[in-house]
């Protein structure tokens, strides 16, 4: 028996930022991602870390602004590091918790206008993005 998304799922980022704004959370980043983001902003890793990162246990996460927006989101501009964005951002909305069930996917679709439009991702791509393979 297959998964509910065996026929694939459509998604195209609209750049709306709904997944980047309005609520606090963790955006986990690796040292390589930090270097890439810092470089894309023309900053040193140390300056980027001081301005944009927090430590949560042994892991690093992007900060958020007081209103819950990602520290790297700018109104009128969007994600200031989009081409260098972290893997967690690159794989949205294909996270395990979002593809667990059709109902979970539909809940995410209520907040994300890119779900249901754009190119069709096949099951193998979805599983890869979700880290299930």
Protein backbone atom coordinates (compact mmCIF):
# COMPACT_ATOMS: atom_id res chain seq x y z
CA UNK A 1 0.00 0.00 0.00
CA UNK A 2 1.32 3.44 -0.93
CA UNK A 3 1.11 6.87 0.56
CA UNK A 4 -1.83 9.22 0.13
CA UNK A 5 0.39 11.39 -2.11
CA UNK A 6 1.45 8.59 -4.49
CA UNK A 7 0.14 10.63 -7.44
CA UNK A 8 2.30 13.58 -6.39
CA UNK A 9 1.62 17.05 -5.01
CA UNK A 10 1.73 20.45 -6.62
CA UNK A 11 3.66 23.32 -5.09
CA UNK A 12 5.14 26.59 -6.26
CA UNK A 13 6.53 29.19 -3.87
CA UNK A 14 4.65 32.45 -4.36
CA UNK A 15 7.09 34.43 -2.22
CA UNK A 16 4.25 35.53 0.05
CA UNK A 17 6.32 34.88 3.17
CA UNK A 18 3.45 33.37 5.14
CA UNK A 19 5.85 30.59 6.21
CA UNK A 20 8.43 33.20 7.28
CA UNK A 21 6.28 35.64 9.20
CA UNK A 22 4.03 36.03 12.16
CA UNK A 23 5.01 33.33 14.60
CA UNK A 24 8.14 32.38 16.47
CA UNK A 25 9.84 29.07 15.93
CA UNK A 26 13.11 27.44 15.13
CA UNK A 27 14.80 27.52 11.74
CA UNK A 28 17.71 25.16 12.27
CA UNK A 29 20.90 25.99 10.42
CA UNK A 30 24.19 24.20 9.86
CA UNK A 31 27.62 25.86 9.84
CA UNK A 32 27.72 25.54 6.03
CA UNK A 33 24.35 27.26 5.74
CA UNK A 34 25.54 30.03 8.05
CA UNK A 35 28.56 30.60 5.83
CA UNK A 36 26.39 30.64 2.71
CA UNK A 37 23.86 33.08 4.18
CA UNK A 38 26.54 35.37 5.61
CA UNK A 39 28.31 35.43 2.25
CA UNK A 40 25.10 36.22 0.41
CA UNK A 41 24.66 39.27 2.65
CA UNK A 42 28.31 40.29 2.38
CA UNK A 43 28.82 39.75 6.10
CA UNK A 44 31.42 37.87 8.07
CA UNK A 45 30.23 34.69 9.74
CA UNK A 46 30.83 36.27 13.16
CA UNK A 47 28.76 39.37 12.31
CA UNK A 48 25.98 37.24 10.84
CA UNK A 49 25.97 35.01 13.92
CA UNK A 50 25.80 37.99 16.28
CA UNK A 51 22.93 39.59 14.38
CA UNK A 52 20.91 36.62 13.13
CA UNK A 53 21.49 33.49 15.22
CA UNK A 54 20.67 32.02 18.60
CA UNK A 55 21.87 28.84 20.20
CA UNK A 56 19.26 26.32 21.30
CA UNK A 57 21.07 23.56 23.10
CA UNK A 58 23.77 22.35 20.73
CA UNK A 59 21.98 23.65 17.64
CA UNK A 60 21.80 27.01 15.90
CA UNK A 61 18.58 28.69 14.82
CA UNK A 62 17.77 31.90 13.01
CA UNK A 63 16.37 34.61 15.23
CA UNK A 64 12.96 36.12 14.74
CA UNK A 65 11.86 39.70 15.12
CA UNK A 66 9.56 40.67 18.03
CA UNK A 67 6.52 40.26 15.75
CA UNK A 68 7.52 36.65 14.93
CA UNK A 69 8.92 37.38 11.46
CA UNK A 70 12.18 35.70 10.49
CA UNK A 71 15.15 37.99 11.06
CA UNK A 72 15.94 37.64 7.33
CA UNK A 73 12.47 38.68 6.09
CA UNK A 74 12.09 42.27 4.93
CA UNK A 75 8.73 43.78 4.06
CA UNK A 76 8.61 44.70 0.40
CA UNK A 77 11.71 42.64 -0.31
CA UNK A 78 11.00 39.15 1.02
CA UNK A 79 13.69 36.74 2.09
CA UNK A 80 16.99 38.58 1.96
CA UNK A 81 18.92 35.32 1.51
CA UNK A 82 16.44 33.40 -0.67
CA UNK A 83 19.03 31.78 -3.00
CA UNK A 84 21.11 30.85 0.08
CA UNK A 85 18.22 30.00 2.40
CA UNK A 86 18.57 27.06 4.82
CA UNK A 87 17.56 23.51 3.92
CA UNK A 88 14.60 23.72 6.31
CA UNK A 89 13.22 26.59 4.23
CA UNK A 90 14.11 24.94 0.90
CA UNK A 91 12.14 21.80 1.74
CA UNK A 92 8.96 23.54 2.93
CA UNK A 93 6.15 22.47 2.65
CA UNK A 94 7.41 18.91 2.21
CA UNK A 95 8.15 18.32 5.88
CA UNK A 96 7.25 14.96 7.46
CA UNK A 97 4.59 16.51 9.70
CA UNK A 98 2.98 18.23 6.69
CA UNK A 99 2.76 15.12 4.52
CA UNK A 100 1.75 12.74 7.31
CA UNK A 101 -1.84 12.81 6.07
CA UNK A 102 -4.08 14.50 3.55
CA UNK A 103 -5.64 16.46 6.44
CA UNK A 104 -2.23 17.72 7.60
CA UNK A 105 -1.41 18.83 4.03
CA UNK A 106 -4.75 20.62 3.76
CA UNK A 107 -4.11 22.45 7.04
CA UNK A 108 -0.81 23.76 5.64
CA UNK A 109 -2.56 24.66 2.37
CA UNK A 110 -4.88 26.97 4.32
CA UNK A 111 -1.83 29.13 5.14
CA UNK A 112 0.23 28.57 1.98
CA UNK A 113 -1.13 29.83 -1.36
CA UNK A 114 1.57 27.92 -3.26
CA UNK A 115 0.15 24.51 -2.36
CA UNK A 116 -1.92 23.05 -5.15
CA UNK A 117 -0.32 25.13 -7.88
CA UNK A 118 2.85 24.99 -9.93
CA UNK A 119 4.80 21.91 -10.81
CA UNK A 120 3.91 18.42 -9.76
CA UNK A 121 6.39 16.84 -7.36
CA UNK A 122 6.37 13.06 -7.62
CA UNK A 123 6.34 10.74 -4.62
CA UNK A 124 10.09 10.07 -4.78
CA UNK A 125 10.90 13.81 -4.78
CA UNK A 126 8.52 14.41 -1.89
CA UNK A 127 10.02 11.58 0.15
CA UNK A 128 13.52 12.91 -0.58
CA UNK A 129 12.61 16.47 0.44
CA UNK A 130 10.95 15.16 3.61
CA UNK A 131 14.06 13.16 4.46
CA UNK A 132 12.14 9.89 4.36
CA UNK A 133 14.65 8.10 2.10
